[in-house]
Structure formats: C-alpha cells, structure tokens
PDB file of N, CA and C in Angstrom:
ATOM      1  N   MET A   1      67.622  25.113  71.669  1.00  0.00           N
ATOM      2  CA  MET A   1      67.411  26.132  72.668  1.00  0.00           C
ATOM      3  C   MET A   1      68.709  26.534  73.348  1.00  0.00           C
ATOM      4  N   LEU A   2      69.584  25.579  73.613  1.00  0.00           N
ATOM      5  CA  LEU A   2      70.852  25.899  74.249  1.00  0.00           C
ATOM      6  C   LEU A   2      71.721  26.775  73.352  1.00  0.00           C
ATOM      7  N   LEU A   3      71.659  26.532  72.075  1.00  0.00           N
ATOM      8  CA  LEU A   3      72.435  27.364  71.156  1.00  0.00           C
ATOM      9  C   LEU A   3      71.959  28.814  71.192  1.00  0.00           C
ATOM     10  N   ARG A   4      70.681  28.986  71.299  1.00  0.00           N
ATOM     11  CA  ARG A   4      70.131  30.337  71.327  1.00  0.00           C
ATOM     12  C   ARG A   4      70.563  31.089  72.582  1.00  0.00           C
ATOM     13  N   LEU A   5      70.616  30.461  73.753  1.00  0.00           N
ATOM     14  CA  LEU A   5      71.058  31.097  74.996  1.00  0.00           C
ATOM     15  C   LEU A   5      72.528  31.492  74.910  1.00  0.00           C
ATOM     16  N   ARG A   6      73.326  30.640  74.323  1.00  0.00           N
ATOM     17  CA  ARG A   6      74.762  30.939  74.206  1.00  0.00           C
ATOM     18  C   ARG A   6      74.996  32.140  73.305  1.00  0.00           C
ATOM     19  N   SER A   7      74.263  32.250  72.245  1.00  0.00           N
ATOM     20  CA  SER A   7      74.460  33.366  71.330  1.00  0.00           C
ATOM     21  C   SER A   7      73.989  34.675  71.968  1.00  0.00           C
ATOM     22  N   ASN A   8      72.940  34.661  72.765  1.00  0.00           N
ATOM     23  CA  ASN A   8      72.486  35.858  73.477  1.00  0.00           C
ATOM     24  C   ASN A   8      73.511  36.301  74.521  1.00  0.00           C
ATOM     25  N   LYS A   9      74.160  35.354  75.140  1.00  0.00           N
ATOM     26  CA  LYS A   9      75.166  35.678  76.150  1.00  0.00           C
ATOM     27  C   LYS A   9      76.322  36.443  75.509  1.00  0.00           C
ATOM     28  N   GLY A  10      76.748  36.030  74.347  1.00  0.00           N
ATOM     29  CA  GLY A  10      77.810  36.724  73.635  1.00  0.00           C
ATOM     30  C   GLY A  10      77.372  38.107  73.174  1.00  0.00           C
ATOM     31  N   GLN A  11      76.111  38.196  72.779  1.00  0.00           N
ATOM     32  CA  GLN A  11      75.588  39.488  72.330  1.00  0.00           C
ATOM     33  C   GLN A  11      75.517  40.461  73.507  1.00  0.00           C
ATOM     34  N   ASN A  12      75.102  40.014  74.709  1.00  0.00           N
ATOM     35  CA  ASN A  12      75.049  40.864  75.898  1.00  0.00           C
ATOM     36  C   ASN A  12      76.441  41.362  76.274  1.00  0.00           C
ATOM     37  N   THR A  13      77.423  40.493  76.193  1.00  0.00           N
ATOM     38  CA  THR A  13      78.790  40.888  76.514  1.00  0.00           C
ATOM     39  C   THR A  13      79.287  41.944  75.544  1.00  0.00           C
ATOM     40  N   ALA A  14      79.000  41.796  74.281  1.00  0.00           N
ATOM     41  CA  ALA A  14      79.412  42.776  73.278  1.00  0.00           C
ATOM     42  C   ALA A  14      78.718  44.118  73.519  1.00  0.00           C
ATOM     43  N   GLU A  15      77.441  44.089  73.890  1.00  0.00           N
ATOM     44  CA  GLU A  15      76.725  45.340  74.176  1.00  0.00           C
ATOM     45  C   GLU A  15      77.333  46.051  75.389  1.00  0.00           C
ATOM     46  N   TYR A  16      77.641  45.308  76.430  1.00  0.00           N
ATOM     47  CA  TYR A  16      78.273  45.904  77.612  1.00  0.00           C
ATOM     48  C   TYR A  16      79.635  46.502  77.267  1.00  0.00           C
ATOM     49  N   ALA A  17      80.394  45.827  76.432  1.00  0.00           N
ATOM     50  CA  ALA A  17      81.713  46.328  76.033  1.00  0.00           C
ATOM     51  C   ALA A  17      81.569  47.630  75.253  1.00  0.00           C
ATOM     52  N   ILE A  18      80.557  47.720  74.386  1.00  0.00           N
ATOM     53  CA  ILE A  18      80.338  48.950  73.617  1.00  0.00           C
ATOM     54  C   ILE A  18      79.926  50.102  74.540  1.00  0.00           C
ATOM     55  N   VAL A  19      79.034  49.832  75.495  1.00  0.00           N
ATOM     56  CA  VAL A  19      78.593  50.877  76.429  1.00  0.00           C
ATOM     57  C   VAL A  19      79.771  51.374  77.267  1.00  0.00           C
ATOM     58  N   ILE A  20      80.585  50.460  77.764  1.00  0.00           N
ATOM     59  CA  ILE A  20      81.758  50.850  78.564  1.00  0.00           C
ATOM     60  C   ILE A  20      82.729  51.666  77.721  1.00  0.00           C
ATOM     61  N   ALA A  21      82.943  51.263  76.460  1.00  0.00           N
ATOM     62  CA  ALA A  21      83.842  52.020  75.579  1.00  0.00           C
ATOM     63  C   ALA A  21      83.303  53.423  75.329  1.00  0.00           C
ATOM     64  N   LEU A  22      81.983  53.579  75.162  1.00  0.00           N
ATOM     65  CA  LEU A  22      81.389  54.904  74.967  1.00  0.00           C
ATOM     66  C   LEU A  22      81.566  55.776  76.216  1.00  0.00           C
ATOM     67  N   ILE A  23      81.392  55.203  77.379  1.00  0.00           N
ATOM     68  CA  ILE A  23      81.554  55.972  78.628  1.00  0.00           C
ATOM     69  C   ILE A  23      83.001  56.427  78.785  1.00  0.00           C
ATOM     70  N   ILE A  24      83.937  55.530  78.513  1.00  0.00           N
ATOM     71  CA  ILE A  24      85.363  55.892  78.608  1.00  0.00           C
ATOM     72  C   ILE A  24      85.704  56.959  77.574  1.00  0.00           C
ATOM     73  N   GLY A  25      85.194  56.834  76.364  1.00  0.00           N
ATOM     74  CA  GLY A  25      85.438  57.835  75.321  1.00  0.00           C
ATOM     75  C   GLY A  25      84.881  59.199  75.715  1.00  0.00           C
ATOM     76  N   ALA A  26      83.677  59.230  76.300  1.00  0.00           N
ATOM     77  CA  ALA A  26      83.082  60.502  76.732  1.00  0.00           C
ATOM     78  C   ALA A  26      83.910  61.128  77.849  1.00  0.00           C
ATOM     79  N   ALA A  27      84.401  60.310  78.776  1.00  0.00           N
ATOM     80  CA  ALA A  27      85.226  60.837  79.873  1.00  0.00           C
ATOM     81  C   ALA A  27      86.527  61.428  79.340  1.00  0.00           C
ATOM     82  N   ILE A  28      87.130  60.773  78.386  1.00  0.00           N
ATOM     83  CA  ILE A  28      88.383  61.284  77.798  1.00  0.00           C
ATOM     84  C   ILE A  28      88.117  62.574  77.031  1.00  0.00           C
ATOM     85  N   ALA A  29      86.999  62.640  76.318  1.00  0.00           N
ATOM     86  CA  ALA A  29      86.673  63.848  75.561  1.00  0.00           C
ATOM     87  C   ALA A  29      86.377  65.026  76.486  1.00  0.00           C
ATOM     88  N   MET A  30      85.785  64.791  77.638  1.00  0.00           N
ATOM     89  CA  MET A  30      85.439  65.856  78.579  1.00  0.00           C
ATOM     90  C   MET A  30      86.621  66.297  79.431  1.00  0.00           C
ATOM     91  N   GLN A  31      87.702  65.554  79.416  1.00  0.00           N
ATOM     92  CA  GLN A  31      88.854  65.852  80.265  1.00  0.00           C
ATOM     93  C   GLN A  31      89.367  67.274  80.050  1.00  0.00           C
ATOM     94  N   THR A  32      89.472  67.712  78.826  1.00  0.00           N
ATOM     95  CA  THR A  32      89.968  69.057  78.515  1.00  0.00           C
ATOM     96  C   THR A  32      89.038  70.116  79.086  1.00  0.00           C
ATOM     97  N   TYR A  33      87.730  69.924  78.968  1.00  0.00           N
ATOM     98  CA  TYR A  33      86.768  70.919  79.436  1.00  0.00           C
ATOM     99  C   TYR A  33      86.754  71.001  80.966  1.00  0.00           C
ATOM    100  N   VAL A  34      86.875  69.859  81.609  1.00  0.00           N
ATOM    101  CA  VAL A  34      86.929  69.842  83.076  1.00  0.00           C
ATOM    102  C   VAL A  34      88.203  70.547  83.550  1.00  0.00           C
ATOM    103  N   LYS A  35      89.307  70.280  82.889  1.00  0.00           N
ATOM    104  CA  LYS A  35      90.577  70.910  83.251  1.00  0.00           C
ATOM    105  C   LYS A  35      90.492  72.422  83.085  1.00  0.00           C
ATOM    106  N   ARG A  36      89.929  72.892  81.989  1.00  0.00           N
ATOM    107  CA  ARG A  36      89.784  74.332  81.759  1.00  0.00           C
ATOM    108  C   ARG A  36      88.873  74.958  82.805  1.00  0.00           C
ATOM    109  N   GLY A  37      87.810  74.276  83.163  1.00  0.00           N
ATOM    110  CA  GLY A  37      86.898  74.789  84.191  1.00  0.00           C
ATOM    111  C   GLY A  37      87.584  74.953  85.532  1.00  0.00           C
ATOM    112  N   LEU A  38      88.391  73.957  85.922  1.00  0.00           N
ATOM    113  CA  LEU A  38      89.122  74.048  87.189  1.00  0.00           C
ATOM    114  C   LEU A  38      90.157  75.164  87.156  1.00  0.00           C
ATOM    115  N   GLN A  39      90.839  75.309  86.025  1.00  0.00           N
ATOM    116  CA  GLN A  39      91.821  76.388  85.914  1.00  0.00           C
ATOM    117  C   GLN A  39      91.142  77.751  85.983  1.00  0.00           C
ATOM    118  N   GLY A  40      89.970  77.887  85.376  1.00  0.00           N
ATOM    119  CA  GLY A  40      89.227  79.146  85.435  1.00  0.00           C
ATOM    120  C   GLY A  40      88.800  79.487  86.850  1.00  0.00           C
ATOM    121  N   ARG A  41      88.328  78.485  87.584  1.00  0.00           N
ATOM    122  CA  ARG A  41      87.938  78.729  88.987  1.00  0.00           C
ATOM    123  C   ARG A  41      89.138  79.123  89.835  1.00  0.00           C
ATOM    124  N   THR A  42      90.277  78.485  89.601  1.00  0.00           N
ATOM    125  CA  THR A  42      91.489  78.832  90.346  1.00  0.00           C
ATOM    126  C   THR A  42      91.914  80.265  90.046  1.00  0.00           C
ATOM    127  N   LYS A  43      91.842  80.669  88.777  1.00  0.00           N
ATOM    128  CA  LYS A  43      92.208  82.045  88.411  1.00  0.00           C
ATOM    129  C   LYS A  43      91.247  83.045  89.043  1.00  0.00           C
ATOM    130  N   ASP A  44      89.949  82.751  89.038  1.00  0.00           N
ATOM    131  CA  ASP A  44      88.981  83.639  89.677  1.00  0.00           C
ATOM    132  C   ASP A  44      89.266  83.800  91.162  1.00  0.00           C
ATOM    133  N   ALA A  45      89.591  82.698  91.843  1.00  0.00           N
ATOM    134  CA  ALA A  45      89.899  82.764  93.269  1.00  0.00           C
ATOM    135  C   ALA A  45      91.169  83.574  93.516  1.00  0.00           C
ATOM    136  N   THR A  46      92.165  83.403  92.657  1.00  0.00           N
ATOM    137  CA  THR A  46      93.410  84.162  92.795  1.00  0.00           C
ATOM    138  C   THR A  46      93.171  85.646  92.587  1.00  0.00           C
ATOM    139  N   ASP A  47      92.406  86.003  91.551  1.00  0.00           N
ATOM    140  CA  ASP A  47      92.089  87.411  91.302  1.00  0.00           C
ATOM    141  C   ASP A  47      91.312  88.023  92.466  1.00  0.00           C
ATOM    142  N   TYR A  48      90.366  87.274  93.007  1.00  0.00           N
ATOM    143  CA  TYR A  48      89.587  87.760  94.148  1.00  0.00           C
ATOM    144  C   TYR A  48      90.485  88.030  95.340  1.00  0.00           C
ATOM    145  N   MET A  49      91.392  87.088  95.634  1.00  0.00           N
ATOM    146  CA  MET A  49      92.295  87.265  96.782  1.00  0.00           C
ATOM    147  C   MET A  49      93.230  88.443  96.557  1.00  0.00           C
ATOM    148  N   GLN A  50      93.676  88.664  95.328  1.00  0.00           N
ATOM    149  CA  GLN A  50      94.542  89.804  95.029  1.00  0.00           C
ATOM    150  C   GLN A  50      93.811  91.111  95.272  1.00  0.00           C
ATOM    151  N   ASN A  51      92.565  91.197  94.855  1.00  0.00           N
ATOM    152  CA  ASN A  51      91.798  92.432  95.023  1.00  0.00           C
ATOM    153  C   ASN A  51      91.441  92.679  96.488  1.00  0.00           C
ATOM    154  N   GLN A  52      91.135  91.640  97.218  1.00  0.00           N
ATOM    155  CA  GLN A  52      90.715  91.811  98.606  1.00  0.00           C
ATOM    156  C   GLN A  52      91.881  92.090  99.543  1.00  0.00           C
ATOM    157  N   THR A  53      93.070  91.667  99.180  1.00  0.00           N
ATOM    158  CA  THR A  53      94.225  91.811 100.069  1.00  0.00           C
ATOM    159  C   THR A  53      95.278  92.718  99.456  1.00  0.00           C
ATOM    160  N   ALA A  54      94.860  93.766  98.753  1.00  0.00           N
ATOM    161  CA  ALA A  54      95.811  94.629  98.053  1.00  0.00           C
ATOM    162  C   ALA A  54      96.703  95.396  99.019  1.00  0.00           C
ATOM    163  N   ASP A  55      96.201  95.768 100.225  1.00  0.00           N
ATOM    164  CA  ASP A  55      97.035  96.580 101.111  1.00  0.00           C
ATOM    165  C   ASP A  55      97.918  95.752 102.026  1.00  0.00           C
ATOM    166  N   ILE A  56      97.927  94.459 101.920  1.00  0.00           N
ATOM    167  CA  ILE A  56      98.791  93.670 102.799  1.00  0.00           C
ATOM    168  C   ILE A  56     100.260  93.967 102.518  1.00  0.00           C
ATOM    169  N   GLY A  57     100.651  94.090 101.274  1.00  0.00           N
ATOM    170  CA  GLY A  57     102.043  94.362 100.946  1.00  0.00           C
ATOM    171  C   GLY A  57     102.462  95.785 101.250  1.00  0.00           C
ATOM    172  N   ALA A  58     101.503  96.689 101.496  1.00  0.00           N
ATOM    173  CA  ALA A  58     101.837  98.090 101.741  1.00  0.00           C
ATOM    174  C   ALA A  58     102.200  98.356 103.200  1.00  0.00           C
ATOM    175  N   THR A  59     101.909  97.424 104.102  1.00  0.00           N
ATOM    176  CA  THR A  59     102.223  97.647 105.507  1.00  0.00           C
ATOM    177  C   THR A  59     103.693  97.373 105.766  1.00  0.00           C
ATOM    178  N   ARG A  60     104.229  98.025 106.773  1.00  0.00           N
ATOM    179  CA  ARG A  60     105.638  97.825 107.117  1.00  0.00           C
ATOM    180  C   ARG A  60     105.806  96.491 107.845  1.00  0.00           C
ATOM    181  N   GLN A  61     106.778  95.785 107.432  1.00  0.00           N
ATOM    182  CA  GLN A  61     107.084  94.507 108.046  1.00  0.00           C
ATOM    183  C   GLN A  61     108.248  94.668 109.006  1.00  0.00           C
ATOM    184  N   TYR A  62     108.307  93.808 109.995  1.00  0.00           N
ATOM    185  CA  TYR A  62     109.410  93.877 110.943  1.00  0.00           C
ATOM    186  C   TYR A  62     110.674  93.323 110.302  1.00  0.00           C
ATOM    187  N   GLU A  63     111.710  94.088 110.363  1.00  0.00           N
ATOM    188  CA  GLU A  63     113.044  93.662 109.959  1.00  0.00           C
ATOM    189  C   GLU A  63     114.005  94.180 111.016  1.00  0.00           C
ATOM    190  N   PRO A  64     114.961  93.387 111.436  1.00  0.00           N
ATOM    191  CA  PRO A  64     115.852  93.813 112.517  1.00  0.00           C
ATOM    192  C   PRO A  64     116.619  95.095 112.205  1.00  0.00           C
ATOM    193  N   TYR A  65     116.985  95.315 110.953  1.00  0.00           N
ATOM    194  CA  TYR A  65     117.778  96.490 110.638  1.00  0.00           C
ATOM    195  C   TYR A  65     116.917  97.747 110.539  1.00  0.00           C
ATOM    196  N   TYR A  66     115.597  97.658 110.710  1.00  0.00           N
ATOM    197  CA  TYR A  66     114.739  98.835 110.757  1.00  0.00           C
ATOM    198  C   TYR A  66     114.709  99.447 112.160  1.00  0.00           C
ATOM    199  N   GLN A  67     115.278  98.772 113.130  1.00  0.00           N
ATOM    200  CA  GLN A  67     115.221  99.217 114.512  1.00  0.00           C
ATOM    201  C   GLN A  67     116.597  99.708 114.969  1.00  0.00           C
ATOM    202  N   ASP A  68     116.617 100.867 115.645  1.00  0.00           N
ATOM    203  CA  ASP A  68     117.816 101.331 116.341  1.00  0.00           C
ATOM    204  C   ASP A  68     117.578 101.106 117.820  1.00  0.00           C
ATOM    205  N   GLN A  69     118.549 100.540 118.488  1.00  0.00           N
ATOM    206  CA  GLN A  69     118.384 100.301 119.920  1.00  0.00           C
ATOM    207  C   GLN A  69     119.719 100.383 120.619  1.00  0.00           C
ATOM    208  N   ASP A  70     119.646 100.800 121.875  1.00  0.00           N
ATOM    209  CA  ASP A  70     120.836 100.878 122.722  1.00  0.00           C
ATOM    210  C   ASP A  70     120.368 100.638 124.150  1.00  0.00           C
ATOM    211  N   PHE A  71     120.774  99.536 124.726  1.00  0.00           N
ATOM    212  CA  PHE A  71     120.342  99.178 126.068  1.00  0.00           C
ATOM    213  C   PHE A  71     121.546  98.863 126.941  1.00  0.00           C
ATOM    214  N   ALA A  72     121.388  99.140 128.221  1.00  0.00           N
ATOM    215  CA  ALA A  72     122.371  98.735 129.229  1.00  0.00           C
ATOM    216  C   ALA A  72     121.606  97.939 130.276  1.00  0.00           C
ATOM    217  N   ALA A  73     122.088  96.768 130.595  1.00  0.00           N
ATOM    218  CA  ALA A  73     121.430  95.911 131.582  1.00  0.00           C
ATOM    219  C   ALA A  73     122.340  95.759 132.789  1.00  0.00           C
ATOM    220  N   GLN A  74     121.708  95.724 133.978  1.00  0.00           N
ATOM    221  CA  GLN A  74     122.466  95.581 135.218  1.00  0.00           C
ATOM    222  C   GLN A  74     121.724  94.589 136.101  1.00  0.00           C
ATOM    223  N   GLN A  75     122.484  93.691 136.739  1.00  0.00           N
ATOM    224  CA  GLN A  75     121.875  92.708 137.620  1.00  0.00           C
ATOM    225  C   GLN A  75     122.643  92.674 138.928  1.00  0.00           C
ATOM    226  N   ASP A  76     121.916  92.797 140.033  1.00  0.00           N
ATOM    227  CA  ASP A  76     122.483  92.684 141.381  1.00  0.00           C
ATOM    228  C   ASP A  76     121.859  91.474 142.042  1.00  0.00           C
ATOM    229  N   SER A  77     122.694  90.648 142.658  1.00  0.00           N
ATOM    230  CA  SER A  77     122.146  89.472 143.323  1.00  0.00           C
ATOM    231  C   SER A  77     122.884  89.229 144.638  1.00  0.00           C
ATOM    232  N   THR A  78     122.153  88.661 145.593  1.00  0.00           N
ATOM    233  CA  THR A  78     122.707  88.322 146.912  1.00  0.00           C
ATOM    234  C   THR A  78     122.280  86.901 147.236  1.00  0.00           C
ATOM    235  N   THR A  79     123.220  86.085 147.649  1.00  0.00           N
ATOM    236  CA  THR A  79     122.929  84.715 148.047  1.00  0.00           C
ATOM    237  C   THR A  79     123.342  84.547 149.501  1.00  0.00           C
ATOM    238  N   THR A  80     122.459  83.998 150.324  1.00  0.00           N
ATOM    239  CA  THR A  80     122.732  83.787 151.750  1.00  0.00           C
ATOM    240  C   THR A  80     122.585  82.302 152.046  1.00  0.00           C
ATOM    241  N   LYS A  81     123.590  81.762 152.754  1.00  0.00           N
ATOM    242  CA  LYS A  81     123.541  80.360 153.177  1.00  0.00           C
ATOM    243  C   LYS A  81     123.592  80.313 154.691  1.00  0.00           C
ATOM    244  N   ASP A  82     122.623  79.632 155.303  1.00  0.00           N
ATOM    245  CA  ASP A  82     122.576  79.468 156.757  1.00  0.00           C
ATOM    246  C   ASP A  82     122.756  77.999 157.083  1.00  0.00           C
ATOM    247  N   THR A  83     123.657  77.718 157.991  1.00  0.00           N
ATOM    248  CA  THR A  83     123.893  76.346 158.427  1.00  0.00           C
ATOM    249  C   THR A  83     123.260  76.166 159.790  1.00  0.00           C
ATOM    250  N   ALA A  84     122.378  75.190 159.891  1.00  0.00           N
ATOM    251  CA  ALA A  84     121.688  74.920 161.150  1.00  0.00           C
ATOM    252  C   ALA A  84     122.373  73.780 161.884  1.00  0.00           C
ATOM    253  N   THR A  85     121.947  73.549 163.110  1.00  0.00           N
ATOM    254  CA  THR A  85     122.486  72.461 163.915  1.00  0.00           C
ATOM    255  C   THR A  85     122.187  71.135 163.224  1.00  0.00           C
ATOM    256  N   GLY A  86     123.147  70.279 163.142  1.00  0.00           N
ATOM    257  CA  GLY A  86     122.982  68.990 162.495  1.00  0.00           C
ATOM    258  C   GLY A  86     123.445  69.012 161.057  1.00  0.00           C
ATOM    259  N   GLY A  87     123.870  70.143 160.531  1.00  0.00           N
ATOM    260  CA  GLY A  87     124.430  70.216 159.197  1.00  0.00           C
ATOM    261  C   GLY A  87     123.465  70.598 158.095  1.00  0.00           C
ATOM    262  N   ALA A  88     122.218  70.921 158.444  1.00  0.00           N
ATOM    263  CA  ALA A  88     121.270  71.340 157.407  1.00  0.00           C
ATOM    264  C   ALA A  88     121.660  72.723 156.898  1.00  0.00           C
ATOM    265  N   VAL A  89     121.586  72.912 155.575  1.00  0.00           N
ATOM    266  CA  VAL A  89     121.953  74.183 154.966  1.00  0.00           C
ATOM    267  C   VAL A  89     120.713  74.777 154.280  1.00  0.00           C
ATOM    268  N   ALA A  90     120.410  76.035 154.591  1.00  0.00           N
ATOM    269  CA  ALA A  90     119.304  76.748 153.954  1.00  0.00           C
ATOM    270  C   ALA A  90     119.911  77.839 153.076  1.00  0.00           C
ATOM    271  N   THR A  91     119.511  77.869 151.825  1.00  0.00           N
ATOM    272  CA  THR A  91     120.051  78.847 150.883  1.00  0.00           C
ATOM    273  C   THR A  91     118.919  79.760 150.423  1.00  0.00           C
ATOM    274  N   SER A  92     119.189  81.058 150.382  1.00  0.00           N
ATOM    275  CA  SER A  92     118.208  81.997 149.851  1.00  0.00           C
ATOM    276  C   SER A  92     118.918  82.958 148.907  1.00  0.00           C
ATOM    277  N   SER A  93     118.238  83.320 147.835  1.00  0.00           N
ATOM    278  CA  SER A  93     118.815  84.217 146.837  1.00  0.00           C
ATOM    279  C   SER A  93     117.847  85.367 146.573  1.00  0.00           C
ATOM    280  N   GLN A  94     118.431  86.505 146.265  1.00  0.00           N
ATOM    281  CA  GLN A  94     117.633  87.658 145.894  1.00  0.00           C
ATOM    282  C   GLN A  94     118.333  88.333 144.722  1.00  0.00           C
ATOM    283  N   ALA A  95     117.604  88.580 143.636  1.00  0.00           N
ATOM    284  CA  ALA A  95     118.208  89.165 142.446  1.00  0.00           C
ATOM    285  C   ALA A  95     117.340  90.318 141.942  1.00  0.00           C
ATOM    286  N   THR A  96     118.025  91.356 141.460  1.00  0.00           N
ATOM    287  CA  THR A  96     117.343  92.502 140.864  1.00  0.00           C
ATOM    288  C   THR A  96     117.988  92.771 139.516  1.00  0.00           C
ATOM    289  N   THR A  97     117.155  92.898 138.476  1.00  0.00           N
ATOM    290  CA  THR A  97     117.654  93.180 137.134  1.00  0.00           C
ATOM    291  C   THR A  97     117.007  94.465 136.643  1.00  0.00           C
ATOM    292  N   SER A  98     117.805  95.322 136.029  1.00  0.00           N
ATOM    293  CA  SER A  98     117.262  96.551 135.455  1.00  0.00           C
ATOM    294  C   SER A  98     117.843  96.748 134.068  1.00  0.00           C
ATOM    295  N   ARG A  99     117.077  97.436 133.224  1.00  0.00           N
ATOM    296  CA  ARG A  99     117.513  97.695 131.864  1.00  0.00           C
ATOM    297  C   ARG A  99     117.139  99.136 131.524  1.00  0.00           C
ATOM    298  N   THR A 100     118.081  99.856 130.967  1.00  0.00           N
ATOM    299  CA  THR A 100     117.821 101.231 130.544  1.00  0.00           C
ATOM    300  C   THR A 100     118.291 101.389 129.112  1.00  0.00           C
ATOM    301  N   GLY A 101     117.637 102.258 128.378  1.00  0.00           N
ATOM    302  CA  GLY A 101     118.036 102.501 127.001  1.00  0.00           C
ATOM    303  C   GLY A 101     116.847 102.875 126.157  1.00  0.00           C
ATOM    304  N   TYR A 102     116.983 102.743 124.839  1.00  0.00           N
ATOM    305  CA  TYR A 102     115.909 103.122 123.927  1.00  0.00           C
ATOM    306  C   TYR A 102     115.854 102.159 122.751  1.00  0.00           C
ATOM    307  N   GLN A 103     114.694 102.165 122.100  1.00  0.00           N
ATOM    308  CA  GLN A 103     114.486 101.413 120.865  1.00  0.00           C
ATOM    309  C   GLN A 103     113.559 102.260 120.004  1.00  0.00           C
ATOM    310  N   GLN A 104     113.951 102.520 118.756  1.00  0.00           N
ATOM    311  CA  GLN A 104     113.139 103.352 117.886  1.00  0.00           C
ATOM    312  C   GLN A 104     113.182 102.831 116.458  1.00  0.00           C
ATOM    313  N   TYR A 105     112.167 103.201 115.705  1.00  0.00           N
ATOM    314  CA  TYR A 105     112.057 102.808 114.305  1.00  0.00           C
ATOM    315  C   TYR A 105     112.978 103.683 113.464  1.00  0.00           C
ATOM    316  N   ASN A 106     113.706 103.064 112.548  1.00  0.00           N
ATOM    317  CA  ASN A 106     114.652 103.771 111.695  1.00  0.00           C
ATOM    318  C   ASN A 106     114.040 103.924 110.309  1.00  0.00           C
ATOM    319  N   ASP A 107     113.577 105.110 109.950  1.00  0.00           N
ATOM    320  CA  ASP A 107     112.923 105.351 108.662  1.00  0.00           C
ATOM    321  C   ASP A 107     113.903 105.289 107.491  1.00  0.00           C
ATOM    322  N   THR A 108     115.150 105.607 107.709  1.00  0.00           N
ATOM    323  CA  THR A 108     116.104 105.621 106.587  1.00  0.00           C
ATOM    324  C   THR A 108     116.402 104.226 106.093  1.00  0.00           C
ATOM    325  N   ALA A 109     116.417 103.237 106.974  1.00  0.00           N
ATOM    326  CA  ALA A 109     116.666 101.845 106.545  1.00  0.00           C
ATOM    327  C   ALA A 109     115.485 101.310 105.754  1.00  0.00           C
ATOM    328  N   ALA A 110     114.260 101.727 106.095  1.00  0.00           N
ATOM    329  CA  ALA A 110     113.061 101.248 105.409  1.00  0.00           C
ATOM    330  C   ALA A 110     112.973 101.802 103.992  1.00  0.00           C
ATOM    331  N   ALA A 111     113.549 102.972 103.753  1.00  0.00           N
ATOM    332  CA  ALA A 111     113.470 103.588 102.423  1.00  0.00           C
ATOM    333  C   ALA A 111     114.390 102.919 101.419  1.00  0.00           C
ATOM    334  N   ASP A 112     115.405 102.226 101.868  1.00  0.00           N
ATOM    335  CA  ASP A 112     116.375 101.584 100.966  1.00  0.00           C
ATOM    336  C   ASP A 112     115.827 100.394 100.259  1.00  0.00           C
TER     337      ASP A 112
END
C-alpha cells in the first residue's frame, strides 16, 4: 500500500508540471496578440485626439517677438522722518508710479 501512495504522489507532481507548462506556453503564445491589441488601442486613441484637437495648432501662440511695445515709467516718492522726544523716530513714505506707452501685436513677425 505504501508503494502505491508514493507512485501516485509522483504522478500528481508530473500532472501539475504539465498543466503549469501548458499555461505558460499559452501565455507566451498570446503575448503577440495582446501586444497588437494594446498598440491598436493606442493608435485609435491617438487618431481620436488628433481629430478632436485639430484647431489647437492653428491658434496664435504668445511669442515675445510678436509684440511691439514702448513704455516709459516714472516714480515719485517722498520719505518723511519725525523725531519725537526721547529719540523715537517715525518714518512715513509715499510713492507714486506711472507708466505710459503702448503694446501691440506685430503681424509681420507672425508671418515669418
């Protein structure tokens, strides 16, 4: 009886090894098909995005050389210091800044 149990144990191990080898073989054989499927889905997504976003490249983008500008800036400031009894100093400042000029889009630079 002990001999019979030992021989069945070896047979079970061999069956498991065959099943595992078949599963690994099937996975290796399917690898190409899975890869092609993923590549096809990626291409479909890329084509869809290209069709849906066709006018994105047609809009004008900001580039510094597309702008003509000429500005003049002026700043006036006054600082007042008051000394109180005991040596305390109070400082106050007032500043005014102004800017004049223009900024416009340059069509000739965009055509180049």
